[in-house]
Amino acid sequence: MELDIILMLFLAVVAVVGVGAFWYLAKERK
């Protein structure tokens, strides 16, 4: 189903944004 593909893409984007934000904050603190 396309819904599964959309959900997977959404979760992938959220994961990338989350990791990117965490990496940016960790980099700024040091």
C-alpha atoms as a PDB file:
ATOM      1  CA  MET A   1       0.000   0.000   0.000  1.00  0.00           C
ATOM      2  CA  GLU A   2       1.128   3.547  -0.666  1.00  0.00           C
ATOM      3  CA  LEU A   3       0.268   4.498   2.900  1.00  0.00           C
ATOM      4  CA  ASP A   4       3.089   2.288   4.176  1.00  0.00           C
ATOM      5  CA  ILE A   5       5.550   3.950   1.787  1.00  0.00           C
ATOM      6  CA  ILE A   6       4.411   7.418   2.860  1.00  0.00           C
ATOM      7  CA  LEU A   7       4.691   6.437   6.523  1.00  0.00           C
ATOM      8  CA  MET A   8       8.198   5.038   6.009  1.00  0.00           C
ATOM      9  CA  LEU A   9       9.299   8.190   4.176  1.00  0.00           C
ATOM     10  CA  PHE A  10       7.781  10.359   6.925  1.00  0.00           C
ATOM     11  CA  LEU A  11       9.564   8.394   9.658  1.00  0.00           C
ATOM     12  CA  ALA A  12      12.826   8.572   7.683  1.00  0.00           C
ATOM     13  CA  VAL A  13      12.530  12.363   7.374  1.00  0.00           C
ATOM     14  CA  VAL A  14      11.706  12.726  11.076  1.00  0.00           C
ATOM     15  CA  ALA A  15      14.695  10.529  11.985  1.00  0.00           C
ATOM     16  CA  VAL A  16      17.065  12.545   9.769  1.00  0.00           C
ATOM     17  CA  VAL A  17      15.794  15.864  11.148  1.00  0.00           C
ATOM     18  CA  GLY A  18      16.044  14.572  14.725  1.00  0.00           C
ATOM     19  CA  VAL A  19      19.600  13.316  14.265  1.00  0.00           C
ATOM     20  CA  GLY A  20      20.581  16.516  12.462  1.00  0.00           C
ATOM     21  CA  ALA A  21      19.182  18.701  15.248  1.00  0.00           C
ATOM     22  CA  PHE A  22      20.863  16.569  17.933  1.00  0.00           C
ATOM     23  CA  TRP A  23      24.201  16.698  16.063  1.00  0.00           C
ATOM     24  CA  TYR A  24      23.908  20.490  15.654  1.00  0.00           C
ATOM     25  CA  LEU A  25      23.117  21.049  19.346  1.00  0.00           C
ATOM     26  CA  ALA A  26      25.912  18.703  20.466  1.00  0.00           C
ATOM     27  CA  LYS A  27      28.350  20.489  18.138  1.00  0.00           C
ATOM     28  CA  GLU A  28      27.323  23.945  19.381  1.00  0.00           C
ATOM     29  CA  ARG A  29      27.696  23.039  23.079  1.00  0.00           C
ATOM     30  CA  LYS A  30      31.325  21.902  22.683  1.00  0.00           C
END
